[in-house]
N, C-alpha and C. Protein backbone atom coordinates (compact mmCIF):
# COMPACT_ATOMS: atom_id res chain seq x y z
N MET A 1 90.26 122.12 97.98
CA MET A 1 91.25 121.05 98.09
C MET A 1 90.93 120.89 100.06
N TYR A 2 91.25 119.53 100.00
CA TYR A 2 90.77 118.90 101.46
C TYR A 2 91.89 118.76 102.19
N GLN A 3 91.69 118.72 103.72
CA GLN A 3 92.76 118.81 104.13
C GLN A 3 93.17 117.24 104.87
N LEU A 4 94.50 116.92 104.60
CA LEU A 4 94.86 115.90 104.84
C LEU A 4 94.67 115.50 106.60
N VAL A 5 93.88 114.24 106.83
CA VAL A 5 93.77 113.41 108.22
C VAL A 5 93.84 112.14 108.54
N TYR A 6 95.30 112.04 108.90
CA TYR A 6 95.69 110.37 109.10
C TYR A 6 95.56 109.93 109.81
N SER A 7 94.77 108.54 110.27
CA SER A 7 94.95 108.00 111.23
C SER A 7 96.05 107.63 111.84
N THR A 8 96.30 107.14 113.23
CA THR A 8 97.49 106.43 113.78
C THR A 8 97.84 105.17 113.34
N GLN A 9 96.83 104.10 112.89
CA GLN A 9 96.64 103.13 111.82
C GLN A 9 96.99 103.39 110.37
N PHE A 10 96.70 104.82 110.03
CA PHE A 10 97.53 104.42 108.64
C PHE A 10 98.73 105.38 108.65
N LYS A 11 99.58 105.62 110.11
CA LYS A 11 100.89 106.23 110.56
C LYS A 11 101.22 105.04 110.28
N LYS A 12 101.24 103.91 111.41
CA LYS A 12 102.15 102.73 110.72
C LYS A 12 101.94 102.10 109.78
N ASP A 13 100.70 101.62 109.44
CA ASP A 13 100.36 101.27 107.41
C ASP A 13 101.50 102.02 107.17
N PHE A 14 101.75 103.08 107.32
CA PHE A 14 103.23 103.65 105.70
C PHE A 14 104.18 103.91 106.59
N LYS A 15 104.62 103.90 107.68
CA LYS A 15 105.92 102.93 107.89
C LYS A 15 105.96 101.66 107.10
N LYS A 16 105.51 100.94 106.89
CA LYS A 16 105.47 99.69 106.78
C LYS A 16 105.98 99.49 104.96
N ILE A 17 104.89 100.45 104.59
CA ILE A 17 105.57 100.71 103.26
C ILE A 17 106.28 101.17 102.37
N THR A 18 106.48 102.23 103.40
CA THR A 18 108.44 102.71 103.33
C THR A 18 109.69 101.90 102.39
N LYS A 19 109.13 100.22 103.03
CA LYS A 19 110.63 99.74 102.77
C LYS A 19 110.27 99.14 101.33
N MET A 20 108.85 99.46 100.29
CA MET A 20 108.70 99.56 98.73
C MET A 20 109.63 100.02 98.05
N PRO A 21 109.90 99.80 96.61
CA PRO A 21 110.63 100.62 95.78
C PRO A 21 109.55 101.94 95.49
N ILE A 22 111.07 103.03 95.04
CA ILE A 22 110.90 104.53 95.43
C ILE A 22 109.56 104.81 94.92
N ALA A 23 109.26 104.18 93.74
CA ALA A 23 108.36 104.29 93.07
C ALA A 23 106.92 103.96 92.94
N ASP A 24 106.67 102.70 93.82
CA ASP A 24 105.83 103.03 94.01
C ASP A 24 104.98 104.19 95.07
N ILE A 25 105.78 104.05 96.19
CA ILE A 25 105.61 105.25 97.10
C ILE A 25 105.41 106.56 96.36
N ILE A 26 106.05 106.79 95.26
CA ILE A 26 105.67 108.05 94.52
C ILE A 26 104.47 107.96 93.59
N GLU A 27 103.64 106.63 93.79
CA GLU A 27 102.69 106.40 93.52
C GLU A 27 101.51 106.67 94.32
N VAL A 28 102.33 105.85 95.54
CA VAL A 28 101.21 106.47 96.49
C VAL A 28 100.76 108.37 96.96
N GLY A 29 101.97 108.99 96.64
CA GLY A 29 101.88 110.10 96.60
C GLY A 29 101.16 110.87 95.80
N ASN A 30 101.39 110.18 94.79
CA ASN A 30 100.38 111.03 93.16
C ASN A 30 98.70 110.57 93.77
N ILE A 31 98.61 109.23 94.41
CA ILE A 31 96.50 108.91 94.24
C ILE A 31 96.54 110.09 95.56
N ILE A 32 97.09 109.91 96.21
CA ILE A 32 96.97 110.90 97.51
C ILE A 32 96.71 112.53 97.52
N SER A 33 97.14 113.12 96.42
CA SER A 33 97.59 114.54 95.86
C SER A 33 96.45 114.58 95.02
N ARG A 34 96.11 113.26 94.35
CA ARG A 34 94.82 113.97 93.63
C ARG A 34 93.98 113.65 93.71
N LEU A 35 93.64 112.75 95.23
CA LEU A 35 92.24 112.62 96.61
C LEU A 35 92.19 113.83 96.89
N GLN A 36 93.46 114.08 97.82
CA GLN A 36 93.06 115.85 98.46
C GLN A 36 92.77 117.02 97.19
N ARG A 37 93.24 116.62 95.61
CA ARG A 37 92.79 118.14 95.15
C ARG A 37 91.21 118.10 94.72
N GLY A 38 90.84 116.74 95.03
CA GLY A 38 89.20 115.72 94.48
C GLY A 38 88.79 115.43 93.09
N GLU A 39 90.02 115.57 92.62
CA GLU A 39 90.17 114.90 90.97
C GLU A 39 90.03 113.14 91.29
N SER A 40 88.75 112.54 90.38
CA SER A 40 88.71 111.69 90.38
C SER A 40 89.90 110.87 89.87
N LEU A 41 89.70 109.47 90.13
CA LEU A 41 91.04 108.25 89.47
C LEU A 41 91.04 107.63 88.27
N ASP A 42 91.98 107.25 87.50
CA ASP A 42 91.54 106.17 86.41
C ASP A 42 91.22 104.87 87.08
N THR A 43 90.71 104.27 86.08
CA THR A 43 89.90 103.14 86.60
C THR A 43 90.31 101.81 86.38
N LYS A 44 91.44 102.39 86.55
CA LYS A 44 92.75 100.99 87.07
C LYS A 44 93.15 101.30 87.85
N HIS A 45 92.95 101.79 88.90
CA HIS A 45 92.81 101.68 90.79
C HIS A 45 91.81 101.21 91.73
N VAL A 46 90.42 101.44 90.66
CA VAL A 46 89.25 100.21 90.47
C VAL A 46 88.81 101.31 92.28
N ASN A 47 88.35 102.28 92.42
CA ASN A 47 87.83 103.08 93.11
C ASN A 47 86.19 103.46 93.54
N HIS A 48 85.73 102.57 94.96
CA HIS A 48 85.01 101.94 95.30
C HIS A 48 84.59 102.14 96.77
N PRO A 49 83.43 102.05 97.25
CA PRO A 49 82.59 102.48 98.35
C PRO A 49 82.60 101.33 99.19
N LEU A 50 83.07 100.54 100.14
CA LEU A 50 83.32 99.86 101.24
C LEU A 50 81.86 99.97 102.14
N THR A 51 81.57 98.45 103.05
CA THR A 51 80.29 98.21 103.20
C THR A 51 80.76 97.81 104.54
N GLY A 52 79.66 97.35 105.08
CA GLY A 52 80.33 96.05 106.74
C GLY A 52 80.92 97.42 107.39
N ASN A 53 81.85 96.85 108.11
CA ASN A 53 82.44 97.94 109.52
C ASN A 53 83.33 99.01 109.09
N TRP A 54 83.43 99.12 107.31
CA TRP A 54 84.13 100.59 106.72
C TRP A 54 82.90 101.12 105.72
N LEU A 55 81.84 101.13 106.20
CA LEU A 55 80.93 101.76 106.17
C LEU A 55 81.00 103.41 105.85
N GLY A 56 80.85 104.00 104.79
CA GLY A 56 81.00 105.16 104.59
C GLY A 56 82.71 105.64 104.17
N PHE A 57 83.12 104.59 103.95
CA PHE A 57 84.77 105.22 103.52
C PHE A 57 84.92 104.12 101.72
N LYS A 58 86.00 104.43 101.53
CA LYS A 58 86.52 103.97 100.20
C LYS A 58 87.76 103.20 99.73
N ASP A 59 87.60 102.52 99.12
CA ASP A 59 88.84 101.65 98.71
C ASP A 59 89.12 101.70 97.60
N CYS A 60 91.12 102.70 97.62
CA CYS A 60 91.34 102.50 96.06
C CYS A 60 92.91 101.67 95.84
N HIS A 61 92.94 100.71 94.77
CA HIS A 61 93.25 99.94 94.26
C HIS A 61 95.24 100.81 94.07
N ILE A 62 96.42 101.33 94.07
CA ILE A 62 97.37 101.71 94.18
C ILE A 62 98.25 100.96 93.16
N LYS A 63 98.13 99.53 93.95
CA LYS A 63 98.50 98.87 92.90
C LYS A 63 97.79 97.39 93.24
N PRO A 64 98.19 96.01 92.04
CA PRO A 64 96.57 94.70 92.88
C PRO A 64 96.91 94.79 94.21
N ASP A 65 97.70 94.46 95.18
CA ASP A 65 97.65 94.14 96.42
C ASP A 65 98.48 95.71 97.61
N LEU A 66 98.37 96.48 96.51
CA LEU A 66 98.03 97.79 97.63
C LEU A 66 96.90 98.56 97.84
N VAL A 67 96.66 98.75 98.81
CA VAL A 67 95.10 98.95 98.76
C VAL A 67 95.33 100.28 99.98
N LEU A 68 94.20 101.13 99.35
CA LEU A 68 94.41 102.54 100.34
C LEU A 68 92.71 102.85 100.92
N ILE A 69 92.64 102.95 102.20
CA ILE A 69 91.16 102.91 102.93
C ILE A 69 91.38 104.65 103.19
N TYR A 70 90.28 105.08 102.57
CA TYR A 70 90.21 106.77 103.27
C TYR A 70 88.04 106.82 102.88
N ARG A 71 88.31 108.46 103.14
CA ARG A 71 87.14 109.07 103.15
C ARG A 71 86.82 110.48 103.16
N VAL A 72 86.04 111.21 102.64
CA VAL A 72 86.03 112.65 102.41
C VAL A 72 84.60 112.91 103.72
N ILE A 73 85.31 113.34 104.23
CA ILE A 73 83.99 114.17 105.43
C ILE A 73 84.23 115.79 105.32
N ASP A 74 83.28 116.46 104.87
CA ASP A 74 83.27 118.17 104.74
C ASP A 74 84.66 118.35 104.23
N ASN A 75 85.48 119.31 104.66
CA ASN A 75 86.35 119.33 104.00
C ASN A 75 88.44 118.67 104.23
N ALA A 76 87.83 117.62 104.84
CA ALA A 76 89.04 116.24 105.60
C ALA A 76 88.90 115.14 104.41
N LEU A 77 90.09 114.90 104.12
CA LEU A 77 90.30 113.57 103.24
C LEU A 77 90.72 112.68 104.06
N GLN A 78 90.16 111.66 105.06
CA GLN A 78 90.27 111.21 106.28
C GLN A 78 91.34 109.88 105.38
N LEU A 79 92.31 109.86 105.86
CA LEU A 79 93.20 108.55 105.07
C LEU A 79 92.73 107.01 106.46
N ALA A 80 92.63 106.09 106.41
CA ALA A 80 92.31 105.25 107.12
C ALA A 80 93.47 104.62 107.30
N ARG A 81 93.53 103.22 106.16
CA ARG A 81 94.57 102.37 106.15
C ARG A 81 95.30 102.37 104.73
N ILE A 82 96.14 101.81 105.00
CA ILE A 82 97.47 101.93 103.57
C ILE A 82 97.97 100.15 103.74
N GLY A 83 98.03 98.98 102.79
CA GLY A 83 98.61 98.43 102.89
C GLY A 83 97.76 97.08 102.08
N SER A 84 98.73 96.13 102.07
CA SER A 84 98.29 94.44 101.96
C SER A 84 96.45 94.12 101.74
N HIS A 85 95.93 93.36 100.75
CA HIS A 85 94.54 93.51 100.94
C HIS A 85 94.52 92.66 102.53
N SER A 86 95.26 91.35 103.13
CA SER A 86 95.25 91.05 104.35
C SER A 86 95.45 91.97 105.32
N ASP A 87 96.38 92.58 104.93
CA ASP A 87 97.10 93.76 106.43
C ASP A 87 95.45 94.31 106.43
N VAL A 88 94.93 94.92 105.43
CA VAL A 88 93.40 96.06 106.17
C VAL A 88 92.30 95.89 106.11
N PHE A 89 92.12 94.00 105.59
CA PHE A 89 90.04 93.44 105.93
C PHE A 89 90.77 92.27 106.67
């Protein structure tokens, strides 16, 4: 199991998404839990590596326009950003 590490920006982003329906927030928690346990995600989440400024990070689609940006380093799951495409990119 990976240790969770939250970026300052992720914490700010997360405050914004707490205004979403509770079912969406539960889904965010479920995705993060699966990633923390090192489990693979369903193909519907379009989990893929990023390039450019985000090289080394991955992008996971929780909903069509709700994206989680993260990376795994050693024993840590670093959560970098969460939000819509226009917010995080």
